[in-house]
Amino acid sequence: MTLPLPVHIRQPLPGLLLTLGISLVALLLAQLPLPGVSIIGPLTLAMLLGILIGHWGSDTLEQRSETGLQFSRHYLLRAGIILYGLRISLADLHSAGLNALAIDLVMVIGILLAAAWIGIRWLGLDARTAVLIGAGSAICGAAAVLASAPAIRARQQAVPVAIATVVLFGSAAMLLYPWLFAHDWTVLPGDNADIAFGRLVGATTHEVAQVTAVAAALPADAAHAAVVTKLMRVMLLVPVLLVLSQVFGRQKHQSRAQTRALPIPWFALIFMCLPLVNSLELLPPQTLEWLHRLDQLCLAMAMAALGFATRISAIRAAGWKPMLLGALLFVLLLLSGTLLTLLLN
């Protein structure tokens, strides 16, 4: 005779098992030499699998899984973003130098403002959709989109649209930069050319995984500059989330007392503290490696849950405007990043 599970465990369990299964399949497929899989990465693959299963699954499966799916989208997402901070150390940030920080600051602020201006004024997009695409392009791809969505109270259907632009144009950058370097296209002549090129890659490529893939084709100095510049750019996610939560937390008809009680992404503040933990080597290497894998699993489960609740018809309904915005931001990243690198070096 088996004892029944408590209600508070039984309700989210089907959804958690569903997202766990999708995530494990995505992580396994990402390890295989399949064409195209290495470009999109395990997180986006988990979302795509979630979309397929959600689209073809039964209504009964969706109803039984809803509580666990909501748990994955909310709590596991925040846990994954917090643990992401363990991938960065203070030594990494220091080694990048002030030039990398200056480039990152200008790029993040400029791309976010450009996304809002072009997306809203020119293309007529919803403000939250435009900002989501801008956050994914400016900071760290899908992770920035997922983190920004609750801060700005974005519609759930806007998230996969924003992630689609990140995947497409981040993959374009990942293919473009090694080709440019192989054909002797460098930002500066002389001894600093490789390092400058690495900073350009880190400051303008969407995803951390995409930067790592580009870095594998560069010399050691350029590769290190690319990865560290990118990690420093990831750190800017915290102040961006704080600003976005303040801007979008205000409602037109709020009272003065309600306006003061704005949402603060506490998980982002915890994320900011973890590079210190990493730098002080408070965790043994084996534990750190285990936490990195747990981080990837939490983010993959959140992406799977997001994909499950997404309908392909909603992405088609978004039309060509989000993709055009992503394309314009991609060109702006490349051109302005090159100009800034020239000026600062």
C-alpha atoms as a PDB file:
ATOM      1  CA  MET A   1       0.000   0.000   0.000  1.00  0.00           C
ATOM      2  CA  THR A   2       1.444   3.390  -0.987  1.00  0.00           C
ATOM      3  CA  LEU A   3       0.787   6.585   0.887  1.00  0.00           C
ATOM      4  CA  PRO A   4      -0.699   9.464  -1.151  1.00  0.00           C
ATOM      5  CA  LEU A   5       1.471  12.521  -1.673  1.00  0.00           C
ATOM      6  CA  PRO A   6       0.457  15.749   0.085  1.00  0.00           C
ATOM      7  CA  VAL A   7      -1.616  18.109  -2.048  1.00  0.00           C
ATOM      8  CA  HIS A   8       1.047  20.855  -2.086  1.00  0.00           C
ATOM      9  CA  ILE A   9       3.494  18.359  -3.604  1.00  0.00           C
ATOM     10  CA  ARG A  10       1.027  16.480  -5.807  1.00  0.00           C
ATOM     11  CA  GLN A  11      -0.240  19.571  -7.627  1.00  0.00           C
ATOM     12  CA  PRO A  12       3.062  20.890  -9.089  1.00  0.00           C
ATOM     13  CA  LEU A  13       4.642  17.442  -9.535  1.00  0.00           C
ATOM     14  CA  PRO A  14       3.260  16.587 -13.029  1.00  0.00           C
ATOM     15  CA  GLY A  15       4.349  19.936 -14.457  1.00  0.00           C
ATOM     16  CA  LEU A  16       7.784  19.718 -12.843  1.00  0.00           C
ATOM     17  CA  LEU A  17       8.308  16.192 -14.181  1.00  0.00           C
ATOM     18  CA  LEU A  18       7.220  17.354 -17.621  1.00  0.00           C
ATOM     19  CA  THR A  19       9.655  20.289 -17.727  1.00  0.00           C
ATOM     20  CA  LEU A  20      12.407  18.126 -16.236  1.00  0.00           C
ATOM     21  CA  GLY A  21      11.938  15.519 -18.967  1.00  0.00           C
ATOM     22  CA  ILE A  22      11.949  18.145 -21.729  1.00  0.00           C
ATOM     23  CA  SER A  23      15.069  19.780 -20.256  1.00  0.00           C
ATOM     24  CA  LEU A  24      17.012  16.531 -19.966  1.00  0.00           C
ATOM     25  CA  VAL A  25      16.216  15.676 -23.589  1.00  0.00           C
ATOM     26  CA  ALA A  26      17.349  19.158 -24.679  1.00  0.00           C
ATOM     27  CA  LEU A  27      20.590  18.927 -22.681  1.00  0.00           C
ATOM     28  CA  LEU A  28      21.270  15.473 -24.134  1.00  0.00           C
ATOM     29  CA  LEU A  29      20.621  16.585 -27.708  1.00  0.00           C
ATOM     30  CA  ALA A  30      22.903  19.596 -27.198  1.00  0.00           C
ATOM     31  CA  GLN A  31      25.795  17.213 -26.537  1.00  0.00           C
ATOM     32  CA  LEU A  32      25.325  15.371 -29.825  1.00  0.00           C
ATOM     33  CA  PRO A  33      27.005  16.457 -33.086  1.00  0.00           C
ATOM     34  CA  LEU A  34      23.714  17.354 -34.743  1.00  0.00           C
ATOM     35  CA  PRO A  35      23.651  20.111 -37.388  1.00  0.00           C
ATOM     36  CA  GLY A  36      22.250  23.370 -36.075  1.00  0.00           C
ATOM     37  CA  VAL A  37      21.875  22.262 -32.441  1.00  0.00           C
ATOM     38  CA  SER A  38      25.162  23.792 -31.324  1.00  0.00           C
ATOM     39  CA  ILE A  39      24.041  27.127 -32.774  1.00  0.00           C
ATOM     40  CA  ILE A  40      20.793  27.477 -30.836  1.00  0.00           C
ATOM     41  CA  GLY A  41      22.063  25.953 -27.565  1.00  0.00           C
ATOM     42  CA  PRO A  42      20.264  23.791 -24.947  1.00  0.00           C
ATOM     43  CA  LEU A  43      18.099  26.566 -23.456  1.00  0.00           C
ATOM     44  CA  THR A  44      16.489  27.572 -26.731  1.00  0.00           C
ATOM     45  CA  LEU A  45      16.208  23.897 -27.681  1.00  0.00           C
ATOM     46  CA  ALA A  46      14.274  23.269 -24.456  1.00  0.00           C
ATOM     47  CA  MET A  47      11.890  26.071 -25.354  1.00  0.00           C
ATOM     48  CA  LEU A  48      11.376  24.702 -28.881  1.00  0.00           C
ATOM     49  CA  LEU A  49      10.631  21.218 -27.538  1.00  0.00           C
ATOM     50  CA  GLY A  50       8.207  22.763 -25.059  1.00  0.00           C
ATOM     51  CA  ILE A  51       6.422  24.587 -27.892  1.00  0.00           C
ATOM     52  CA  LEU A  52       6.058  21.358 -29.877  1.00  0.00           C
ATOM     53  CA  ILE A  53       4.760  19.315 -26.943  1.00  0.00           C
ATOM     54  CA  GLY A  54       2.446  22.104 -25.831  1.00  0.00           C
ATOM     55  CA  HIS A  55       1.102  22.486 -29.362  1.00  0.00           C
ATOM     56  CA  TRP A  56       0.429  18.789 -29.914  1.00  0.00           C
ATOM     57  CA  GLY A  57      -0.347  17.764 -26.330  1.00  0.00           C
ATOM     58  CA  SER A  58      -3.821  17.201 -24.944  1.00  0.00           C
ATOM     59  CA  ASP A  59      -5.848  19.671 -22.886  1.00  0.00           C
ATOM     60  CA  THR A  60      -5.765  17.201 -19.987  1.00  0.00           C
ATOM     61  CA  LEU A  61      -1.956  17.271 -19.950  1.00  0.00           C
ATOM     62  CA  GLU A  62      -1.962  21.056 -19.903  1.00  0.00           C
ATOM     63  CA  GLN A  63      -4.485  21.240 -17.058  1.00  0.00           C
ATOM     64  CA  ARG A  64      -2.657  18.702 -14.890  1.00  0.00           C
ATOM     65  CA  SER A  65       0.713  20.359 -15.517  1.00  0.00           C
ATOM     66  CA  GLU A  66      -0.273  24.011 -15.091  1.00  0.00           C
ATOM     67  CA  THR A  67       0.784  24.398 -11.428  1.00  0.00           C
ATOM     68  CA  GLY A  68       4.213  22.892 -12.044  1.00  0.00           C
ATOM     69  CA  LEU A  69       4.652  24.928 -15.230  1.00  0.00           C
ATOM     70  CA  GLN A  70       3.949  28.127 -13.335  1.00  0.00           C
ATOM     71  CA  PHE A  71       6.438  27.082 -10.641  1.00  0.00           C
ATOM     72  CA  SER A  72       9.099  26.503 -13.300  1.00  0.00           C
ATOM     73  CA  ARG A  73       8.433  29.807 -15.055  1.00  0.00           C
ATOM     74  CA  HIS A  74       8.549  31.769 -11.813  1.00  0.00           C
ATOM     75  CA  TYR A  75      10.790  30.169  -9.189  1.00  0.00           C
ATOM     76  CA  LEU A  76      13.151  28.022 -11.250  1.00  0.00           C
ATOM     77  CA  LEU A  77      13.795  30.954 -13.572  1.00  0.00           C
ATOM     78  CA  ARG A  78      14.896  33.143 -10.668  1.00  0.00           C
ATOM     79  CA  ALA A  79      16.978  30.334  -9.163  1.00  0.00           C
ATOM     80  CA  GLY A  80      18.758  29.854 -12.492  1.00  0.00           C
ATOM     81  CA  ILE A  81      19.538  33.544 -12.866  1.00  0.00           C
ATOM     82  CA  ILE A  82      20.878  33.711  -9.299  1.00  0.00           C
ATOM     83  CA  LEU A  83      23.173  30.725  -9.848  1.00  0.00           C
ATOM     84  CA  TYR A  84      24.383  32.274 -13.108  1.00  0.00           C
ATOM     85  CA  GLY A  85      26.344  34.738 -10.973  1.00  0.00           C
ATOM     86  CA  LEU A  86      28.703  31.923  -9.949  1.00  0.00           C
ATOM     87  CA  ARG A  87      30.109  31.913 -13.489  1.00  0.00           C
ATOM     88  CA  ILE A  88      31.700  35.350 -12.926  1.00  0.00           C
ATOM     89  CA  SER A  89      34.556  36.373 -10.620  1.00  0.00           C
ATOM     90  CA  LEU A  90      35.883  39.756  -9.558  1.00  0.00           C
ATOM     91  CA  ALA A  91      39.203  38.857 -11.184  1.00  0.00           C
ATOM     92  CA  ASP A  92      37.380  38.429 -14.506  1.00  0.00           C
ATOM     93  CA  LEU A  93      35.835  41.860 -14.178  1.00  0.00           C
ATOM     94  CA  HIS A  94      39.158  43.465 -13.215  1.00  0.00           C
ATOM     95  CA  SER A  95      41.073  41.839 -16.047  1.00  0.00           C
ATOM     96  CA  ALA A  96      38.666  43.199 -18.632  1.00  0.00           C
ATOM     97  CA  GLY A  97      39.690  46.763 -17.812  1.00  0.00           C
ATOM     98  CA  LEU A  98      37.865  50.066 -17.992  1.00  0.00           C
ATOM     99  CA  ASN A  99      37.734  50.002 -21.782  1.00  0.00           C
ATOM    100  CA  ALA A 100      35.586  46.864 -21.778  1.00  0.00           C
ATOM    101  CA  LEU A 101      33.312  48.328 -19.099  1.00  0.00           C
ATOM    102  CA  ALA A 102      32.941  51.577 -21.039  1.00  0.00           C
ATOM    103  CA  ILE A 103      32.050  49.737 -24.239  1.00  0.00           C
ATOM    104  CA  ASP A 104      29.539  47.546 -22.393  1.00  0.00           C
ATOM    105  CA  LEU A 105      27.864  50.494 -20.684  1.00  0.00           C
ATOM    106  CA  VAL A 106      27.443  52.474 -23.872  1.00  0.00           C
ATOM    107  CA  MET A 107      26.249  49.439 -25.831  1.00  0.00           C
ATOM    108  CA  VAL A 108      23.683  48.320 -23.248  1.00  0.00           C
ATOM    109  CA  ILE A 109      22.210  51.784 -22.690  1.00  0.00           C
ATOM    110  CA  GLY A 110      22.318  52.699 -26.375  1.00  0.00           C
ATOM    111  CA  ILE A 111      20.725  49.468 -27.629  1.00  0.00           C
ATOM    112  CA  LEU A 112      17.951  49.586 -25.027  1.00  0.00           C
ATOM    113  CA  LEU A 113      17.102  53.187 -25.914  1.00  0.00           C
ATOM    114  CA  ALA A 114      17.310  52.437 -29.638  1.00  0.00           C
ATOM    115  CA  ALA A 115      15.047  49.391 -29.227  1.00  0.00           C
ATOM    116  CA  ALA A 116      12.424  51.472 -27.422  1.00  0.00           C
ATOM    117  CA  TRP A 117      12.623  54.361 -29.895  1.00  0.00           C
ATOM    118  CA  ILE A 118      12.684  52.308 -33.105  1.00  0.00           C
ATOM    119  CA  GLY A 119      10.274  49.663 -31.856  1.00  0.00           C
ATOM    120  CA  ILE A 120       7.638  52.058 -30.525  1.00  0.00           C
ATOM    121  CA  ARG A 121       8.008  55.153 -32.731  1.00  0.00           C
ATOM    122  CA  TRP A 122       8.920  53.583 -36.081  1.00  0.00           C
ATOM    123  CA  LEU A 123       7.458  50.082 -35.971  1.00  0.00           C
ATOM    124  CA  GLY A 124       4.504  50.639 -33.653  1.00  0.00           C
ATOM    125  CA  LEU A 125       5.351  47.700 -31.396  1.00  0.00           C
ATOM    126  CA  ASP A 126       4.076  47.298 -27.878  1.00  0.00           C
ATOM    127  CA  ALA A 127       6.531  48.985 -25.492  1.00  0.00           C
ATOM    128  CA  ARG A 128       7.154  45.827 -23.473  1.00  0.00           C
ATOM    129  CA  THR A 129       7.831  43.720 -26.573  1.00  0.00           C
ATOM    130  CA  ALA A 130      10.299  46.313 -27.869  1.00  0.00           C
ATOM    131  CA  VAL A 131      12.105  46.443 -24.513  1.00  0.00           C
ATOM    132  CA  LEU A 132      12.295  42.635 -24.313  1.00  0.00           C
ATOM    133  CA  ILE A 133      13.941  42.474 -27.735  1.00  0.00           C
ATOM    134  CA  GLY A 134      16.257  45.299 -26.696  1.00  0.00           C
ATOM    135  CA  ALA A 135      17.225  43.552 -23.447  1.00  0.00           C
ATOM    136  CA  GLY A 136      18.004  40.298 -25.246  1.00  0.00           C
ATOM    137  CA  SER A 137      20.122  42.110 -27.827  1.00  0.00           C
ATOM    138  CA  ALA A 138      21.847  44.469 -25.392  1.00  0.00           C
ATOM    139  CA  ILE A 139      22.720  42.207 -22.458  1.00  0.00           C
ATOM    140  CA  CYS A 140      22.726  38.414 -22.556  1.00  0.00           C
ATOM    141  CA  GLY A 141      20.189  36.978 -24.947  1.00  0.00           C
ATOM    142  CA  ALA A 142      17.456  34.640 -23.777  1.00  0.00           C
ATOM    143  CA  ALA A 143      18.462  34.913 -20.107  1.00  0.00           C
ATOM    144  CA  ALA A 144      17.970  38.699 -20.241  1.00  0.00           C
ATOM    145  CA  VAL A 145      14.593  38.285 -21.933  1.00  0.00           C
ATOM    146  CA  LEU A 146      13.455  35.811 -19.283  1.00  0.00           C
ATOM    147  CA  ALA A 147      14.708  38.018 -16.451  1.00  0.00           C
ATOM    148  CA  SER A 148      13.209  41.207 -17.887  1.00  0.00           C
ATOM    149  CA  ALA A 149       9.749  39.803 -18.603  1.00  0.00           C
ATOM    150  CA  PRO A 150       8.530  39.726 -14.974  1.00  0.00           C
ATOM    151  CA  ALA A 151      10.237  43.042 -14.195  1.00  0.00           C
ATOM    152  CA  ILE A 152       8.259  44.858 -16.906  1.00  0.00           C
ATOM    153  CA  ARG A 153       5.130  42.674 -16.627  1.00  0.00           C
ATOM    154  CA  ALA A 154       5.386  41.605 -20.248  1.00  0.00           C
ATOM    155  CA  ARG A 155       2.749  39.458 -21.888  1.00  0.00           C
ATOM    156  CA  GLN A 156       3.716  35.796 -21.846  1.00  0.00           C
ATOM    157  CA  GLN A 157       3.373  35.493 -25.618  1.00  0.00           C
ATOM    158  CA  ALA A 158       5.886  38.321 -26.160  1.00  0.00           C
ATOM    159  CA  VAL A 159       8.730  36.342 -24.571  1.00  0.00           C
ATOM    160  CA  PRO A 160       9.229  33.639 -27.247  1.00  0.00           C
ATOM    161  CA  VAL A 161       8.993  36.303 -29.960  1.00  0.00           C
ATOM    162  CA  ALA A 162      11.853  38.213 -28.312  1.00  0.00           C
ATOM    163  CA  ILE A 163      13.869  35.021 -27.828  1.00  0.00           C
ATOM    164  CA  ALA A 164      13.405  34.127 -31.501  1.00  0.00           C
ATOM    165  CA  THR A 165      15.103  37.373 -32.542  1.00  0.00           C
ATOM    166  CA  VAL A 166      17.971  36.682 -30.128  1.00  0.00           C
ATOM    167  CA  VAL A 167      18.496  33.182 -31.504  1.00  0.00           C
ATOM    168  CA  LEU A 168      18.406  34.289 -35.140  1.00  0.00           C
ATOM    169  CA  PHE A 169      20.678  37.323 -34.992  1.00  0.00           C
ATOM    170  CA  GLY A 170      22.917  35.996 -32.220  1.00  0.00           C
ATOM    171  CA  SER A 171      23.572  32.976 -34.434  1.00  0.00           C
ATOM    172  CA  ALA A 172      24.318  35.339 -37.323  1.00  0.00           C
ATOM    173  CA  ALA A 173      26.919  37.119 -35.172  1.00  0.00           C
ATOM    174  CA  MET A 174      28.396  33.772 -34.120  1.00  0.00           C
ATOM    175  CA  LEU A 175      28.938  32.850 -37.771  1.00  0.00           C
ATOM    176  CA  LEU A 176      30.023  36.311 -38.932  1.00  0.00           C
ATOM    177  CA  TYR A 177      32.801  37.119 -36.449  1.00  0.00           C
ATOM    178  CA  PRO A 178      35.026  34.044 -37.030  1.00  0.00           C
ATOM    179  CA  TRP A 179      34.727  34.675 -40.783  1.00  0.00           C
ATOM    180  CA  LEU A 180      35.776  38.305 -40.341  1.00  0.00           C
ATOM    181  CA  PHE A 181      38.732  37.325 -38.169  1.00  0.00           C
ATOM    182  CA  ALA A 182      39.818  34.581 -40.569  1.00  0.00           C
ATOM    183  CA  HIS A 183      39.869  37.152 -43.374  1.00  0.00           C
ATOM    184  CA  ASP A 184      42.135  39.505 -41.393  1.00  0.00           C
ATOM    185  CA  TRP A 185      39.322  41.924 -40.548  1.00  0.00           C
ATOM    186  CA  THR A 186      40.539  43.546 -37.330  1.00  0.00           C
ATOM    187  CA  VAL A 187      39.432  46.630 -35.479  1.00  0.00           C
ATOM    188  CA  LEU A 188      42.920  48.072 -35.070  1.00  0.00           C
ATOM    189  CA  PRO A 189      46.273  47.437 -36.656  1.00  0.00           C
ATOM    190  CA  GLY A 190      49.163  46.553 -34.420  1.00  0.00           C
ATOM    191  CA  ASP A 191      49.693  44.487 -31.280  1.00  0.00           C
ATOM    192  CA  ASN A 192      46.316  45.223 -29.675  1.00  0.00           C
ATOM    193  CA  ALA A 193      44.226  44.219 -32.683  1.00  0.00           C
ATOM    194  CA  ASP A 194      43.348  40.724 -31.414  1.00  0.00           C
ATOM    195  CA  ILE A 195      42.359  41.931 -27.944  1.00  0.00           C
ATOM    196  CA  ALA A 196      40.297  44.748 -29.431  1.00  0.00           C
ATOM    197  CA  PHE A 197      38.524  42.283 -31.685  1.00  0.00           C
ATOM    198  CA  GLY A 198      37.789  40.062 -28.689  1.00  0.00           C
ATOM    199  CA  ARG A 199      36.244  42.993 -26.827  1.00  0.00           C
ATOM    200  CA  LEU A 200      34.109  43.753 -29.867  1.00  0.00           C
ATOM    201  CA  VAL A 201      32.844  40.162 -29.912  1.00  0.00           C
ATOM    202  CA  GLY A 202      32.037  40.208 -26.191  1.00  0.00           C
ATOM    203  CA  ALA A 203      30.287  43.574 -26.347  1.00  0.00           C
ATOM    204  CA  THR A 204      28.070  42.837 -29.357  1.00  0.00           C
ATOM    205  CA  THR A 205      27.243  39.110 -29.486  1.00  0.00           C
ATOM    206  CA  HIS A 206      23.935  38.173 -27.886  1.00  0.00           C
ATOM    207  CA  GLU A 207      24.435  34.968 -25.840  1.00  0.00           C
ATOM    208  CA  VAL A 208      27.286  33.862 -23.570  1.00  0.00           C
ATOM    209  CA  ALA A 209      27.326  30.495 -25.351  1.00  0.00           C
ATOM    210  CA  GLN A 210      27.615  32.253 -28.717  1.00  0.00           C
ATOM    211  CA  VAL A 211      30.550  34.342 -27.443  1.00  0.00           C
ATOM    212  CA  THR A 212      32.227  31.165 -26.201  1.00  0.00           C
ATOM    213  CA  ALA A 213      31.759  29.559 -29.604  1.00  0.00           C
ATOM    214  CA  VAL A 214      33.335  32.560 -31.352  1.00  0.00           C
ATOM    215  CA  ALA A 215      36.160  32.662 -28.799  1.00  0.00           C
ATOM    216  CA  ALA A 216      37.110  29.086 -29.681  1.00  0.00           C
ATOM    217  CA  ALA A 217      38.159  30.345 -33.130  1.00  0.00           C
ATOM    218  CA  LEU A 218      40.277  33.247 -31.783  1.00  0.00           C
ATOM    219  CA  PRO A 219      43.779  33.463 -30.287  1.00  0.00           C
ATOM    220  CA  ALA A 220      44.016  33.061 -26.505  1.00  0.00           C
ATOM    221  CA  ASP A 221      44.225  36.793 -25.680  1.00  0.00           C
ATOM    222  CA  ALA A 222      41.320  37.657 -27.932  1.00  0.00           C
ATOM    223  CA  ALA A 223      39.255  34.749 -26.597  1.00  0.00           C
ATOM    224  CA  HIS A 224      39.811  35.814 -22.985  1.00  0.00           C
ATOM    225  CA  ALA A 225      38.927  39.426 -23.793  1.00  0.00           C
ATOM    226  CA  ALA A 226      35.738  38.302 -25.548  1.00  0.00           C
ATOM    227  CA  VAL A 227      34.483  36.090 -22.701  1.00  0.00           C
ATOM    228  CA  VAL A 228      35.339  38.517 -19.897  1.00  0.00           C
ATOM    229  CA  THR A 229      33.819  41.479 -21.737  1.00  0.00           C
ATOM    230  CA  LYS A 230      30.669  39.430 -22.195  1.00  0.00           C
ATOM    231  CA  LEU A 231      30.551  38.424 -18.515  1.00  0.00           C
ATOM    232  CA  MET A 232      30.953  42.056 -17.512  1.00  0.00           C
ATOM    233  CA  ARG A 233      28.045  42.849 -19.819  1.00  0.00           C
ATOM    234  CA  VAL A 234      25.985  40.149 -18.085  1.00  0.00           C
ATOM    235  CA  MET A 235      26.609  41.899 -14.756  1.00  0.00           C
ATOM    236  CA  LEU A 236      24.813  44.955 -16.130  1.00  0.00           C
ATOM    237  CA  LEU A 237      21.617  42.902 -16.098  1.00  0.00           C
ATOM    238  CA  VAL A 238      21.132  43.808 -12.434  1.00  0.00           C
ATOM    239  CA  PRO A 239      20.984  47.617 -12.743  1.00  0.00           C
ATOM    240  CA  VAL A 240      18.943  47.284 -15.935  1.00  0.00           C
ATOM    241  CA  LEU A 241      16.346  45.139 -14.143  1.00  0.00           C
ATOM    242  CA  LEU A 242      16.173  47.625 -11.289  1.00  0.00           C
ATOM    243  CA  VAL A 243      15.559  50.516 -13.688  1.00  0.00           C
ATOM    244  CA  LEU A 244      13.021  48.585 -15.766  1.00  0.00           C
ATOM    245  CA  SER A 245      11.102  47.466 -12.685  1.00  0.00           C
ATOM    246  CA  GLN A 246      10.826  51.095 -11.591  1.00  0.00           C
ATOM    247  CA  VAL A 247       9.789  52.416 -15.011  1.00  0.00           C
ATOM    248  CA  PHE A 248       7.219  49.735 -15.825  1.00  0.00           C
ATOM    249  CA  GLY A 249       6.064  49.317 -12.241  1.00  0.00           C
ATOM    250  CA  ARG A 250       4.350  52.700 -12.308  1.00  0.00           C
ATOM    251  CA  GLN A 251       0.746  52.738 -13.413  1.00  0.00           C
ATOM    252  CA  LYS A 252      -1.126  55.821 -14.583  1.00  0.00           C
ATOM    253  CA  HIS A 253      -3.755  55.659 -11.869  1.00  0.00           C
ATOM    254  CA  GLN A 254      -1.625  54.619  -8.906  1.00  0.00           C
ATOM    255  CA  SER A 255      -1.792  56.644  -5.760  1.00  0.00           C
ATOM    256  CA  ARG A 256       1.323  58.207  -4.291  1.00  0.00           C
ATOM    257  CA  ALA A 257       1.596  55.506  -1.624  1.00  0.00           C
ATOM    258  CA  GLN A 258       1.242  52.738  -4.192  1.00  0.00           C
ATOM    259  CA  THR A 259       3.857  54.325  -6.427  1.00  0.00           C
ATOM    260  CA  ARG A 260       6.484  53.964  -3.716  1.00  0.00           C
ATOM    261  CA  ALA A 261       5.835  50.241  -3.410  1.00  0.00           C
ATOM    262  CA  LEU A 262       7.406  49.260  -6.713  1.00  0.00           C
ATOM    263  CA  PRO A 263       8.581  45.743  -7.471  1.00  0.00           C
ATOM    264  CA  ILE A 264      12.289  45.129  -6.872  1.00  0.00           C
ATOM    265  CA  PRO A 265      13.929  42.053  -8.469  1.00  0.00           C
ATOM    266  CA  TRP A 266      15.606  40.746  -5.320  1.00  0.00           C
ATOM    267  CA  PHE A 267      16.888  37.716  -7.186  1.00  0.00           C
ATOM    268  CA  ALA A 268      18.983  40.100  -9.317  1.00  0.00           C
ATOM    269  CA  LEU A 269      20.554  41.631  -6.224  1.00  0.00           C
ATOM    270  CA  ILE A 270      21.503  38.164  -4.967  1.00  0.00           C
ATOM    271  CA  PHE A 271      22.923  37.445  -8.412  1.00  0.00           C
ATOM    272  CA  MET A 272      25.164  40.494  -8.029  1.00  0.00           C
ATOM    273  CA  CYS A 273      26.663  39.146  -4.782  1.00  0.00           C
ATOM    274  CA  LEU A 274      27.643  35.721  -6.110  1.00  0.00           C
ATOM    275  CA  PRO A 275      30.755  36.843  -8.050  1.00  0.00           C
ATOM    276  CA  LEU A 276      32.186  37.770  -4.626  1.00  0.00           C
ATOM    277  CA  VAL A 277      31.450  34.247  -3.387  1.00  0.00           C
ATOM    278  CA  ASN A 278      33.130  32.894  -6.490  1.00  0.00           C
ATOM    279  CA  SER A 279      36.177  35.149  -6.066  1.00  0.00           C
ATOM    280  CA  LEU A 280      36.702  34.202  -2.422  1.00  0.00           C
ATOM    281  CA  GLU A 281      36.660  30.515  -3.435  1.00  0.00           C
ATOM    282  CA  LEU A 282      34.177  29.693  -0.696  1.00  0.00           C
ATOM    283  CA  LEU A 283      32.927  26.687  -2.661  1.00  0.00           C
ATOM    284  CA  PRO A 284      35.069  23.698  -3.690  1.00  0.00           C
ATOM    285  CA  PRO A 285      35.495  23.165  -7.450  1.00  0.00           C
ATOM    286  CA  GLN A 286      33.326  20.036  -7.455  1.00  0.00           C
ATOM    287  CA  THR A 287      30.459  21.889  -5.778  1.00  0.00           C
ATOM    288  CA  LEU A 288      30.860  24.797  -8.165  1.00  0.00           C
ATOM    289  CA  GLU A 289      30.684  22.478 -11.169  1.00  0.00           C
ATOM    290  CA  TRP A 290      27.561  20.844  -9.754  1.00  0.00           C
ATOM    291  CA  LEU A 291      25.943  24.259  -9.240  1.00  0.00           C
ATOM    292  CA  HIS A 292      26.759  25.238 -12.835  1.00  0.00           C
ATOM    293  CA  ARG A 293      24.888  22.161 -14.034  1.00  0.00           C
ATOM    294  CA  LEU A 294      22.003  22.857 -11.666  1.00  0.00           C
ATOM    295  CA  ASP A 295      21.877  26.418 -13.005  1.00  0.00           C
ATOM    296  CA  GLN A 296      21.618  25.190 -16.582  1.00  0.00           C
ATOM    297  CA  LEU A 297      18.908  22.697 -15.604  1.00  0.00           C
ATOM    298  CA  CYS A 298      16.824  25.354 -13.813  1.00  0.00           C
ATOM    299  CA  LEU A 299      17.027  27.708 -16.796  1.00  0.00           C
ATOM    300  CA  ALA A 300      16.218  24.876 -19.214  1.00  0.00           C
ATOM    301  CA  MET A 301      13.149  23.885 -17.167  1.00  0.00           C
ATOM    302  CA  ALA A 302      11.988  27.507 -17.137  1.00  0.00           C
ATOM    303  CA  MET A 303      12.423  27.705 -20.919  1.00  0.00           C
ATOM    304  CA  ALA A 304      10.557  24.416 -21.397  1.00  0.00           C
ATOM    305  CA  ALA A 305       7.659  25.705 -19.280  1.00  0.00           C
ATOM    306  CA  LEU A 306       7.609  28.925 -21.256  1.00  0.00           C
ATOM    307  CA  GLY A 307       7.580  27.038 -24.536  1.00  0.00           C
ATOM    308  CA  PHE A 308       4.795  24.725 -23.394  1.00  0.00           C
ATOM    309  CA  ALA A 309       2.505  27.695 -22.779  1.00  0.00           C
ATOM    310  CA  THR A 310       3.375  29.269 -26.145  1.00  0.00           C
ATOM    311  CA  ARG A 311       1.341  28.738 -29.270  1.00  0.00           C
ATOM    312  CA  ILE A 312       2.965  28.907 -32.693  1.00  0.00           C
ATOM    313  CA  SER A 313       0.016  30.925 -33.932  1.00  0.00           C
ATOM    314  CA  ALA A 314       0.901  33.657 -31.422  1.00  0.00           C
ATOM    315  CA  ILE A 315       4.444  33.900 -32.835  1.00  0.00           C
ATOM    316  CA  ARG A 316       3.085  34.107 -36.383  1.00  0.00           C
ATOM    317  CA  ALA A 317       0.600  36.739 -35.262  1.00  0.00           C
ATOM    318  CA  ALA A 318       3.493  38.920 -34.046  1.00  0.00           C
ATOM    319  CA  GLY A 319       4.386  39.515 -37.687  1.00  0.00           C
ATOM    320  CA  TRP A 320       7.573  40.822 -39.264  1.00  0.00           C
ATOM    321  CA  LYS A 321       8.063  43.887 -37.074  1.00  0.00           C
ATOM    322  CA  PRO A 322       9.858  42.138 -34.139  1.00  0.00           C
ATOM    323  CA  MET A 323      12.251  40.464 -36.575  1.00  0.00           C
ATOM    324  CA  LEU A 324      12.925  43.767 -38.307  1.00  0.00           C
ATOM    325  CA  LEU A 325      13.680  45.355 -34.944  1.00  0.00           C
ATOM    326  CA  GLY A 326      16.054  42.501 -34.094  1.00  0.00           C
ATOM    327  CA  ALA A 327      17.785  42.947 -37.469  1.00  0.00           C
ATOM    328  CA  LEU A 328      18.206  46.692 -37.009  1.00  0.00           C
ATOM    329  CA  LEU A 329      19.617  46.198 -33.506  1.00  0.00           C
ATOM    330  CA  PHE A 330      22.044  43.576 -34.858  1.00  0.00           C
ATOM    331  CA  VAL A 331      23.384  46.037 -37.448  1.00  0.00           C
ATOM    332  CA  LEU A 332      23.551  48.776 -34.817  1.00  0.00           C
ATOM    333  CA  LEU A 333      25.478  46.487 -32.460  1.00  0.00           C
ATOM    334  CA  LEU A 334      28.071  45.726 -35.119  1.00  0.00           C
ATOM    335  CA  LEU A 335      28.555  49.291 -36.359  1.00  0.00           C
ATOM    336  CA  SER A 336      28.485  51.115 -33.027  1.00  0.00           C
ATOM    337  CA  GLY A 337      30.592  48.412 -31.342  1.00  0.00           C
ATOM    338  CA  THR A 338      33.252  48.786 -34.024  1.00  0.00           C
ATOM    339  CA  LEU A 339      33.250  52.574 -33.685  1.00  0.00           C
ATOM    340  CA  LEU A 340      33.508  52.444 -29.884  1.00  0.00           C
ATOM    341  CA  THR A 341      36.345  49.945 -30.022  1.00  0.00           C
ATOM    342  CA  LEU A 342      38.228  52.204 -32.417  1.00  0.00           C
ATOM    343  CA  LEU A 343      37.746  55.238 -30.198  1.00  0.00           C
ATOM    344  CA  LEU A 344      38.646  53.570 -26.892  1.00  0.00           C
ATOM    345  CA  ASN A 345      41.713  51.768 -28.197  1.00  0.00           C
END
